[in-house]
C-alpha cells in the first residue's frame, strides 16, 4: 500500500499486522506524514531502497527476518533516518541492540501516537527517567537471559537451546509467549 503527499515527510511503516498499519497510517497522515507500508522486512527493504525514508516505524517480530535487520539496512541507506522500533515482545537485550544499530527509540506496543511522535523528536536520553526500585521477577529475568543468548547466537534457536542446556522445543514454546512483566 502506498499513500503519498507531495511535501510531507516520508515515513516507512513496517508491521505484519494489517489492521494496525491501516489505523496507524491514517493517524500519521493526519499529522502530515506521507506513509508507505510494508508487511515484512524484505518488502520494507525494497521500499526503502526505492526511496530512503526520513522516518520509519519498524515492528521487531515479523515472519521472516527480524525488524533489527531492517534497522541495519535503513541506517546503511541513510544515517539520518529517524527509526522507532515497536514491539509486543520487549526485552532489554533487543532494545539495546536496536539502539546500537541506529534506532532513535524503542517502544513497547501498544504505543500511542503522541508517544511515537515524541520518540521521533528525541535526540538524546532522558536523565529524568525514573529508576524502578522493584526487582525483576524470576520469569522476567529468564526472558531477558533467553533474549541475550538468542542475540549472541544471531537468532539461531538450536544454538541458543544448546547453550542454555534446554530442549529446542521448550525454548520455542517460551519464545512464543509474551515476555513476563517487569
N, C-alpha and C. Protein backbone atom coordinates (compact mmCIF):
# COMPACT_ATOMS: atom_id res chain seq x y z
N UNK A 1 0.85 -1.16 0.00
CA UNK A 1 0.00 0.00 0.00
C UNK A 1 0.90 1.23 0.00
N UNK A 2 0.56 2.21 -0.80
CA UNK A 2 1.37 3.41 -0.89
C UNK A 2 0.46 4.63 -0.78
N UNK A 3 0.73 5.50 0.15
CA UNK A 3 -0.04 6.70 0.35
C UNK A 3 0.95 7.85 0.35
N UNK A 4 0.88 8.74 -0.65
CA UNK A 4 1.89 9.78 -0.77
C UNK A 4 1.27 11.18 -0.80
N UNK A 5 1.94 12.12 -0.20
CA UNK A 5 1.61 13.53 -0.24
C UNK A 5 2.88 14.27 -0.65
N UNK A 6 2.77 15.32 -1.44
CA UNK A 6 3.93 15.96 -2.05
C UNK A 6 5.03 16.40 -1.09
N UNK A 7 4.81 17.39 -0.25
CA UNK A 7 5.88 17.93 0.59
C UNK A 7 5.92 17.33 1.99
N UNK A 8 5.12 16.34 2.24
CA UNK A 8 5.07 15.73 3.56
C UNK A 8 6.32 14.88 3.79
N UNK A 9 6.79 14.82 5.04
CA UNK A 9 7.93 13.94 5.34
C UNK A 9 7.55 12.48 5.04
N UNK A 10 8.47 11.76 4.42
CA UNK A 10 8.24 10.37 4.03
C UNK A 10 8.47 9.45 5.23
N UNK A 11 7.51 8.56 5.49
CA UNK A 11 7.60 7.63 6.61
C UNK A 11 7.33 6.22 6.10
N UNK A 12 8.20 5.30 6.46
CA UNK A 12 8.04 3.88 6.13
C UNK A 12 7.53 3.16 7.37
N UNK A 13 6.39 2.49 7.23
CA UNK A 13 5.77 1.75 8.33
C UNK A 13 5.85 0.26 7.98
N UNK A 14 6.55 -0.51 8.81
CA UNK A 14 6.73 -1.94 8.52
C UNK A 14 6.23 -2.75 9.71
N UNK A 15 5.11 -3.47 9.47
CA UNK A 15 4.50 -4.29 10.52
C UNK A 15 3.62 -5.32 9.82
N UNK A 16 3.59 -6.54 10.34
CA UNK A 16 2.79 -7.59 9.72
C UNK A 16 1.32 -7.54 10.12
N UNK A 17 0.94 -6.66 11.03
CA UNK A 17 -0.46 -6.50 11.45
C UNK A 17 -1.12 -5.46 10.55
N UNK A 18 -1.91 -5.94 9.58
CA UNK A 18 -2.50 -5.07 8.56
C UNK A 18 -3.44 -4.04 9.19
N UNK A 19 -4.26 -4.46 10.13
CA UNK A 19 -5.21 -3.54 10.77
C UNK A 19 -4.46 -2.44 11.51
N UNK A 20 -3.45 -2.82 12.26
CA UNK A 20 -2.64 -1.84 13.00
C UNK A 20 -2.01 -0.83 12.03
N UNK A 21 -1.45 -1.34 10.93
CA UNK A 21 -0.82 -0.47 9.93
C UNK A 21 -1.81 0.53 9.35
N UNK A 22 -3.00 0.05 9.03
CA UNK A 22 -4.01 0.92 8.43
C UNK A 22 -4.40 2.05 9.39
N UNK A 23 -4.64 1.69 10.63
CA UNK A 23 -5.02 2.69 11.64
C UNK A 23 -3.88 3.68 11.88
N UNK A 24 -2.67 3.14 12.08
CA UNK A 24 -1.51 3.99 12.35
C UNK A 24 -1.19 4.89 11.16
N UNK A 25 -1.27 4.35 9.94
CA UNK A 25 -1.00 5.15 8.73
C UNK A 25 -1.99 6.31 8.64
N UNK A 26 -3.26 6.06 8.93
CA UNK A 26 -4.26 7.13 8.89
C UNK A 26 -3.95 8.22 9.90
N UNK A 27 -3.57 7.83 11.10
CA UNK A 27 -3.24 8.81 12.14
C UNK A 27 -1.99 9.61 11.77
N UNK A 28 -1.01 8.94 11.16
CA UNK A 28 0.23 9.63 10.75
C UNK A 28 -0.04 10.61 9.60
N UNK A 29 -0.89 10.20 8.67
CA UNK A 29 -1.23 11.09 7.56
C UNK A 29 -1.92 12.36 8.07
N UNK A 30 -2.79 12.21 9.07
CA UNK A 30 -3.48 13.37 9.65
C UNK A 30 -2.48 14.33 10.29
N UNK A 31 -1.32 13.82 10.66
CA UNK A 31 -0.27 14.65 11.27
C UNK A 31 0.78 15.08 10.25
N UNK A 32 0.46 14.88 8.96
CA UNK A 32 1.30 15.45 7.91
C UNK A 32 2.36 14.56 7.29
N UNK A 33 2.35 13.26 7.58
CA UNK A 33 3.33 12.35 7.00
C UNK A 33 2.81 11.73 5.71
N UNK A 34 3.72 11.41 4.82
CA UNK A 34 3.44 10.61 3.64
C UNK A 34 3.88 9.20 3.99
N UNK A 35 2.94 8.26 4.03
CA UNK A 35 3.20 6.93 4.59
C UNK A 35 3.26 5.86 3.49
N UNK A 36 4.31 5.03 3.57
CA UNK A 36 4.42 3.83 2.75
C UNK A 36 4.42 2.65 3.71
N UNK A 37 3.69 1.58 3.35
CA UNK A 37 3.53 0.44 4.25
C UNK A 37 4.11 -0.83 3.65
N UNK A 38 4.80 -1.59 4.49
CA UNK A 38 5.30 -2.92 4.12
C UNK A 38 4.89 -3.90 5.21
N UNK A 39 4.64 -5.14 4.82
CA UNK A 39 4.19 -6.15 5.77
C UNK A 39 5.31 -7.01 6.33
N UNK A 40 6.53 -6.88 5.77
CA UNK A 40 7.65 -7.67 6.27
C UNK A 40 8.97 -6.96 5.92
N UNK A 41 10.06 -7.50 6.42
CA UNK A 41 11.38 -6.88 6.23
C UNK A 41 11.79 -6.83 4.75
N UNK A 42 11.69 -7.93 3.99
CA UNK A 42 12.10 -7.84 2.58
C UNK A 42 11.32 -6.77 1.80
N UNK A 43 10.03 -6.68 2.03
CA UNK A 43 9.22 -5.66 1.36
C UNK A 43 9.64 -4.27 1.83
N UNK A 44 9.94 -4.12 3.11
CA UNK A 44 10.41 -2.84 3.64
C UNK A 44 11.72 -2.42 3.01
N UNK A 45 12.62 -3.37 2.80
CA UNK A 45 13.92 -3.08 2.18
C UNK A 45 13.72 -2.59 0.74
N UNK A 46 12.81 -3.25 0.02
CA UNK A 46 12.53 -2.83 -1.37
C UNK A 46 12.03 -1.39 -1.39
N UNK A 47 11.08 -1.06 -0.52
CA UNK A 47 10.54 0.31 -0.47
C UNK A 47 11.61 1.32 -0.06
N UNK A 48 12.44 0.95 0.92
CA UNK A 48 13.48 1.86 1.40
C UNK A 48 14.53 2.11 0.33
N UNK A 49 14.88 1.08 -0.41
CA UNK A 49 15.87 1.25 -1.48
C UNK A 49 15.32 2.10 -2.62
N UNK A 50 14.02 2.01 -2.86
CA UNK A 50 13.40 2.82 -3.92
C UNK A 50 13.44 4.30 -3.55
N UNK A 51 13.22 4.60 -2.28
CA UNK A 51 13.27 5.98 -1.78
C UNK A 51 13.51 5.93 -0.29
N UNK A 52 14.70 6.31 0.14
CA UNK A 52 15.06 6.26 1.55
C UNK A 52 14.14 7.18 2.37
N UNK A 53 13.46 6.64 3.38
CA UNK A 53 12.52 7.46 4.16
C UNK A 53 13.24 8.36 5.17
N UNK A 54 12.56 9.44 5.52
CA UNK A 54 13.07 10.32 6.58
C UNK A 54 12.79 9.71 7.95
N UNK A 55 11.65 8.99 8.03
CA UNK A 55 11.21 8.37 9.28
C UNK A 55 10.82 6.93 9.01
N UNK A 56 10.93 6.08 10.03
CA UNK A 56 10.50 4.69 9.90
C UNK A 56 9.97 4.20 11.24
N UNK A 57 8.92 3.41 11.16
CA UNK A 57 8.39 2.69 12.32
C UNK A 57 8.50 1.22 11.95
N UNK A 58 9.24 0.46 12.74
CA UNK A 58 9.54 -0.93 12.41
C UNK A 58 9.13 -1.84 13.56
N UNK A 59 8.31 -2.83 13.23
CA UNK A 59 7.96 -3.86 14.21
C UNK A 59 9.16 -4.78 14.37
N UNK A 60 9.41 -5.24 15.56
CA UNK A 60 10.57 -6.09 15.81
C UNK A 60 10.34 -7.52 15.33
N UNK A 61 9.19 -8.09 15.69
CA UNK A 61 8.94 -9.51 15.39
C UNK A 61 7.90 -9.64 14.28
N UNK A 62 8.38 -10.14 13.14
CA UNK A 62 7.52 -10.39 11.99
C UNK A 62 7.93 -11.74 11.40
N UNK A 63 7.08 -12.31 10.55
CA UNK A 63 7.52 -13.53 9.86
C UNK A 63 8.76 -13.22 9.03
N UNK A 64 9.69 -14.14 9.01
CA UNK A 64 10.93 -13.90 8.26
C UNK A 64 11.94 -13.18 9.14
N UNK A 65 12.78 -12.35 8.51
CA UNK A 65 13.83 -11.67 9.27
C UNK A 65 13.27 -10.71 10.32
N UNK A 66 14.05 -10.50 11.35
CA UNK A 66 13.69 -9.58 12.44
C UNK A 66 13.71 -8.13 11.95
N UNK A 67 12.93 -7.30 12.60
CA UNK A 67 12.95 -5.87 12.30
C UNK A 67 14.32 -5.24 12.50
N UNK A 68 15.17 -5.89 13.32
CA UNK A 68 16.53 -5.38 13.51
C UNK A 68 17.31 -5.38 12.20
N UNK A 69 17.03 -6.36 11.33
CA UNK A 69 17.68 -6.40 10.01
C UNK A 69 17.31 -5.16 9.19
N UNK A 70 16.06 -4.76 9.30
CA UNK A 70 15.60 -3.57 8.57
C UNK A 70 16.23 -2.30 9.14
N UNK A 71 16.36 -2.23 10.46
CA UNK A 71 17.00 -1.07 11.08
C UNK A 71 18.42 -0.92 10.52
N UNK A 72 19.15 -2.04 10.46
CA UNK A 72 20.51 -2.03 9.94
C UNK A 72 20.53 -1.53 8.49
N UNK A 73 19.60 -2.02 7.67
CA UNK A 73 19.53 -1.63 6.26
C UNK A 73 19.17 -0.15 6.10
N UNK A 74 18.21 0.32 6.89
CA UNK A 74 17.79 1.73 6.81
C UNK A 74 18.94 2.66 7.16
N UNK A 75 19.70 2.34 8.17
CA UNK A 75 20.84 3.16 8.58
C UNK A 75 21.93 3.11 7.52
N UNK A 76 22.13 1.95 6.89
CA UNK A 76 23.12 1.84 5.81
C UNK A 76 22.73 2.72 4.62
N UNK A 77 21.43 2.84 4.37
CA UNK A 77 20.96 3.68 3.27
C UNK A 77 21.06 5.17 3.60
N UNK A 78 20.73 5.53 4.85
CA UNK A 78 20.75 6.94 5.25
C UNK A 78 20.85 7.01 6.77
N UNK A 79 22.00 7.45 7.27
CA UNK A 79 22.23 7.52 8.72
C UNK A 79 21.28 8.50 9.43
N UNK A 80 20.64 9.38 8.68
CA UNK A 80 19.76 10.38 9.28
C UNK A 80 18.31 9.92 9.43
N UNK A 81 18.00 8.71 8.97
CA UNK A 81 16.63 8.21 9.10
C UNK A 81 16.30 8.06 10.59
N UNK A 82 15.18 8.62 11.00
CA UNK A 82 14.72 8.53 12.39
C UNK A 82 13.86 7.28 12.51
N UNK A 83 14.32 6.29 13.27
CA UNK A 83 13.67 4.98 13.34
C UNK A 83 13.16 4.71 14.75
N UNK A 84 11.88 4.34 14.83
CA UNK A 84 11.30 3.89 16.09
C UNK A 84 10.95 2.42 15.92
N UNK A 85 11.47 1.59 16.82
CA UNK A 85 11.18 0.17 16.82
C UNK A 85 10.03 -0.07 17.80
N UNK A 86 8.97 -0.73 17.32
CA UNK A 86 7.83 -1.07 18.16
C UNK A 86 7.79 -2.58 18.32
N UNK A 87 7.43 -3.03 19.51
CA UNK A 87 7.30 -4.47 19.70
C UNK A 87 6.37 -4.82 20.84
N UNK A 88 5.72 -5.94 20.68
CA UNK A 88 4.92 -6.51 21.76
C UNK A 88 5.76 -7.50 22.56
N UNK A 89 7.01 -7.72 22.13
CA UNK A 89 7.91 -8.68 22.77
C UNK A 89 9.15 -7.96 23.28
N UNK A 90 8.95 -6.96 24.08
CA UNK A 90 10.06 -6.13 24.54
C UNK A 90 11.02 -6.89 25.44
N UNK A 91 12.30 -6.61 25.23
CA UNK A 91 13.32 -7.11 26.15
C UNK A 91 14.44 -6.08 26.17
N UNK A 92 15.19 -6.07 27.25
CA UNK A 92 16.29 -5.13 27.39
C UNK A 92 17.33 -5.40 26.30
N UNK A 93 17.60 -6.66 26.01
CA UNK A 93 18.60 -7.02 25.00
C UNK A 93 18.24 -6.47 23.63
N UNK A 94 16.99 -6.68 23.20
CA UNK A 94 16.61 -6.19 21.87
C UNK A 94 16.52 -4.67 21.83
N UNK A 95 16.15 -4.05 22.94
CA UNK A 95 16.13 -2.59 22.98
C UNK A 95 17.53 -2.04 22.79
N UNK A 96 18.48 -2.59 23.52
CA UNK A 96 19.87 -2.14 23.41
C UNK A 96 20.39 -2.37 22.00
N UNK A 97 20.11 -3.54 21.45
CA UNK A 97 20.58 -3.86 20.10
C UNK A 97 19.97 -2.92 19.06
N UNK A 98 18.68 -2.61 19.18
CA UNK A 98 18.02 -1.69 18.24
C UNK A 98 18.69 -0.32 18.27
N UNK A 99 19.00 0.17 19.46
CA UNK A 99 19.64 1.47 19.59
C UNK A 99 21.07 1.41 19.05
N UNK A 100 21.79 0.34 19.34
CA UNK A 100 23.15 0.18 18.82
C UNK A 100 23.16 0.20 17.29
N UNK A 101 22.13 -0.40 16.68
CA UNK A 101 22.06 -0.47 15.22
C UNK A 101 21.64 0.86 14.59
N UNK A 102 21.14 1.78 15.41
CA UNK A 102 20.81 3.10 14.88
C UNK A 102 19.39 3.57 15.08
N UNK A 103 18.55 2.77 15.75
CA UNK A 103 17.18 3.22 16.01
C UNK A 103 17.20 4.44 16.92
N UNK A 104 16.27 5.34 16.71
CA UNK A 104 16.14 6.53 17.53
C UNK A 104 15.56 6.19 18.89
N UNK A 105 14.59 5.27 18.89
CA UNK A 105 13.93 4.91 20.13
C UNK A 105 13.29 3.53 19.98
N UNK A 106 12.89 2.94 21.10
CA UNK A 106 12.32 1.61 21.16
C UNK A 106 11.11 1.69 22.07
N UNK A 107 9.94 1.32 21.56
CA UNK A 107 8.72 1.40 22.35
C UNK A 107 8.00 0.06 22.39
N UNK A 108 7.38 -0.24 23.51
CA UNK A 108 6.57 -1.44 23.62
C UNK A 108 5.17 -1.15 23.12
N UNK A 109 4.57 -2.13 22.43
CA UNK A 109 3.19 -2.00 21.99
C UNK A 109 2.28 -2.23 23.18
N UNK A 110 1.17 -1.61 23.27
CA UNK A 110 0.68 -0.63 22.32
C UNK A 110 1.23 0.75 22.65
N UNK A 111 1.79 1.40 21.67
CA UNK A 111 2.31 2.76 21.85
C UNK A 111 1.34 3.73 21.22
N UNK A 112 1.07 4.82 21.91
CA UNK A 112 0.15 5.84 21.40
C UNK A 112 0.84 6.74 20.38
N UNK A 113 0.03 7.44 19.61
CA UNK A 113 0.56 8.33 18.56
C UNK A 113 1.48 9.39 19.15
N UNK A 114 1.10 9.99 20.25
CA UNK A 114 1.93 11.04 20.85
C UNK A 114 3.27 10.47 21.33
N UNK A 115 3.25 9.25 21.82
CA UNK A 115 4.47 8.59 22.28
C UNK A 115 5.41 8.32 21.09
N UNK A 116 4.84 7.91 19.96
CA UNK A 116 5.64 7.66 18.75
C UNK A 116 6.24 8.96 18.23
N UNK A 117 5.43 10.00 18.15
CA UNK A 117 5.93 11.29 17.66
C UNK A 117 7.01 11.86 18.59
N UNK A 118 6.83 11.70 19.89
CA UNK A 118 7.85 12.15 20.85
C UNK A 118 9.14 11.36 20.66
N UNK A 119 9.02 10.07 20.36
CA UNK A 119 10.21 9.24 20.13
C UNK A 119 10.97 9.72 18.90
N UNK A 120 10.28 10.14 17.86
CA UNK A 120 10.95 10.67 16.67
C UNK A 120 11.71 11.95 17.00
N UNK A 121 11.19 12.73 17.93
CA UNK A 121 11.80 14.01 18.27
C UNK A 121 13.02 13.88 19.17
N UNK A 122 13.19 12.72 19.78
CA UNK A 122 14.30 12.53 20.73
C UNK A 122 15.65 12.54 20.02
N UNK A 123 16.60 13.21 20.61
CA UNK A 123 17.95 13.21 20.07
C UNK A 123 18.95 12.70 21.10
N UNK A 124 18.50 12.56 22.34
CA UNK A 124 19.38 12.05 23.39
C UNK A 124 18.54 11.43 24.49
N UNK A 125 19.19 10.75 25.40
CA UNK A 125 18.49 10.09 26.50
C UNK A 125 17.87 11.09 27.47
N UNK A 126 17.04 10.57 28.35
CA UNK A 126 16.34 11.39 29.32
C UNK A 126 16.85 11.06 30.73
N UNK A 127 17.58 11.99 31.34
CA UNK A 127 18.11 11.75 32.68
C UNK A 127 17.02 11.81 33.75
N UNK A 128 15.84 12.28 33.37
CA UNK A 128 14.72 12.36 34.32
C UNK A 128 13.92 11.06 34.40
N UNK A 129 14.27 10.08 33.59
CA UNK A 129 13.56 8.81 33.61
C UNK A 129 13.70 8.19 34.99
N UNK A 130 12.56 7.86 35.63
CA UNK A 130 12.64 7.29 36.97
C UNK A 130 13.28 5.90 36.95
N UNK A 131 14.07 5.63 37.94
CA UNK A 131 14.70 4.33 38.08
C UNK A 131 13.80 3.49 38.98
N UNK A 132 13.39 2.34 38.47
CA UNK A 132 12.49 1.48 39.23
C UNK A 132 13.20 0.87 40.43
N UNK A 133 12.48 0.74 41.52
CA UNK A 133 13.07 0.14 42.70
C UNK A 133 12.56 -1.28 42.90
N UNK A 134 11.72 -1.73 41.97
CA UNK A 134 11.16 -3.07 42.06
C UNK A 134 12.05 -4.03 41.26
N UNK A 135 12.56 -5.08 41.88
CA UNK A 135 13.43 -6.01 41.15
C UNK A 135 12.63 -6.78 40.09
N UNK A 136 13.32 -7.29 39.07
CA UNK A 136 12.68 -8.09 38.04
C UNK A 136 12.20 -9.40 38.63
N UNK A 137 11.08 -9.90 38.10
CA UNK A 137 10.59 -11.21 38.53
C UNK A 137 11.51 -12.29 37.95
N UNK A 138 11.43 -13.49 38.50
CA UNK A 138 12.23 -14.60 38.00
C UNK A 138 11.86 -14.88 36.54
N UNK A 139 10.56 -14.83 36.21
CA UNK A 139 10.13 -15.05 34.83
C UNK A 139 10.71 -14.00 33.89
N UNK A 140 10.74 -12.76 34.34
CA UNK A 140 11.28 -11.69 33.50
C UNK A 140 12.80 -11.85 33.35
N UNK A 141 13.48 -12.23 34.41
CA UNK A 141 14.93 -12.48 34.31
C UNK A 141 15.22 -13.60 33.31
N UNK A 142 14.39 -14.66 33.35
CA UNK A 142 14.57 -15.75 32.39
C UNK A 142 14.38 -15.24 30.97
N UNK A 143 13.33 -14.46 30.74
CA UNK A 143 13.06 -13.90 29.40
C UNK A 143 14.24 -13.06 28.92
N UNK A 144 14.76 -12.21 29.78
CA UNK A 144 15.89 -11.35 29.42
C UNK A 144 17.12 -12.18 29.09
N UNK A 145 17.37 -13.24 29.88
CA UNK A 145 18.53 -14.08 29.63
C UNK A 145 18.39 -14.83 28.29
N UNK A 146 17.19 -15.34 28.03
CA UNK A 146 16.94 -16.01 26.75
C UNK A 146 17.20 -15.05 25.60
N UNK A 147 16.71 -13.81 25.72
CA UNK A 147 16.91 -12.82 24.66
C UNK A 147 18.39 -12.50 24.46
N UNK A 148 19.13 -12.44 25.56
CA UNK A 148 20.57 -12.16 25.48
C UNK A 148 21.30 -13.27 24.74
N UNK A 149 21.03 -14.52 25.12
CA UNK A 149 21.70 -15.65 24.48
C UNK A 149 21.26 -15.78 23.03
N UNK A 150 19.97 -15.57 22.75
CA UNK A 150 19.46 -15.63 21.38
C UNK A 150 20.15 -14.58 20.51
N UNK A 151 20.36 -13.40 21.06
CA UNK A 151 21.05 -12.34 20.34
C UNK A 151 22.51 -12.73 20.07
N UNK A 152 23.17 -13.30 21.07
CA UNK A 152 24.56 -13.75 20.91
C UNK A 152 24.67 -14.83 19.83
N UNK A 153 23.60 -15.63 19.67
CA UNK A 153 23.58 -16.71 18.68
C UNK A 153 22.99 -16.23 17.35
N UNK A 154 22.84 -14.93 17.21
CA UNK A 154 22.32 -14.31 15.98
C UNK A 154 20.98 -14.90 15.56
N UNK A 155 20.11 -15.16 16.54
CA UNK A 155 18.76 -15.65 16.27
C UNK A 155 18.66 -17.15 16.03
N UNK A 156 19.73 -17.89 16.14
CA UNK A 156 19.73 -19.32 15.91
C UNK A 156 19.16 -20.02 17.15
N UNK A 157 17.93 -20.54 17.01
CA UNK A 157 17.24 -21.14 18.14
C UNK A 157 17.91 -22.43 18.60
N UNK A 158 18.37 -23.25 17.66
CA UNK A 158 19.03 -24.51 18.03
C UNK A 158 20.29 -24.25 18.84
N UNK A 159 21.11 -23.31 18.39
CA UNK A 159 22.34 -22.98 19.11
C UNK A 159 22.02 -22.38 20.49
N UNK A 160 21.00 -21.53 20.53
CA UNK A 160 20.59 -20.93 21.81
C UNK A 160 20.17 -22.02 22.78
N UNK A 161 19.38 -22.97 22.32
CA UNK A 161 18.92 -24.07 23.17
C UNK A 161 20.11 -24.89 23.68
N UNK A 162 21.08 -25.16 22.79
CA UNK A 162 22.29 -25.90 23.22
C UNK A 162 23.03 -25.15 24.32
N UNK A 163 23.23 -23.86 24.10
CA UNK A 163 23.98 -23.07 25.09
C UNK A 163 23.25 -22.98 26.43
N UNK A 164 21.93 -23.05 26.38
CA UNK A 164 21.14 -22.93 27.61
C UNK A 164 20.83 -24.29 28.23
N UNK A 165 21.33 -25.38 27.61
CA UNK A 165 21.04 -26.71 28.10
C UNK A 165 19.53 -26.96 28.15
N UNK A 166 18.85 -26.58 27.08
CA UNK A 166 17.39 -26.65 27.03
C UNK A 166 16.99 -27.33 25.73
N UNK A 167 15.91 -28.07 25.74
CA UNK A 167 15.41 -28.68 24.52
C UNK A 167 14.92 -27.56 23.59
N UNK A 168 15.17 -27.73 22.30
CA UNK A 168 14.81 -26.69 21.31
C UNK A 168 13.31 -26.39 21.35
N UNK A 169 12.47 -27.42 21.47
CA UNK A 169 11.01 -27.19 21.50
C UNK A 169 10.59 -26.41 22.74
N UNK A 170 11.23 -26.68 23.85
CA UNK A 170 10.93 -25.93 25.08
C UNK A 170 11.26 -24.46 24.87
N UNK A 171 12.42 -24.21 24.28
CA UNK A 171 12.80 -22.82 24.00
C UNK A 171 11.81 -22.17 23.05
N UNK A 172 11.40 -22.87 22.01
CA UNK A 172 10.45 -22.31 21.06
C UNK A 172 9.13 -21.96 21.75
N UNK A 173 8.67 -22.82 22.65
CA UNK A 173 7.43 -22.52 23.40
C UNK A 173 7.60 -21.27 24.25
N UNK A 174 8.74 -21.15 24.91
CA UNK A 174 8.99 -19.97 25.73
C UNK A 174 9.02 -18.70 24.89
N UNK A 175 9.57 -18.80 23.68
CA UNK A 175 9.67 -17.63 22.81
C UNK A 175 8.31 -17.24 22.23
N UNK A 176 7.37 -18.18 22.16
CA UNK A 176 6.04 -17.87 21.63
C UNK A 176 5.20 -17.08 22.63
N UNK A 177 5.54 -17.20 23.92
CA UNK A 177 4.81 -16.50 24.96
C UNK A 177 5.23 -15.03 24.97
N UNK A 178 4.35 -14.20 25.46
CA UNK A 178 4.71 -12.80 25.65
C UNK A 178 5.70 -12.71 26.81
N UNK A 179 6.56 -11.69 26.80
CA UNK A 179 7.51 -11.59 27.90
C UNK A 179 6.80 -11.38 29.23
N UNK A 180 7.42 -11.88 30.26
CA UNK A 180 6.89 -11.67 31.60
C UNK A 180 6.97 -10.19 31.95
N UNK A 181 6.04 -9.73 32.76
CA UNK A 181 6.02 -8.32 33.18
C UNK A 181 7.23 -8.01 34.07
N UNK A 182 7.61 -6.74 34.07
CA UNK A 182 8.71 -6.30 34.93
C UNK A 182 8.32 -6.39 36.38
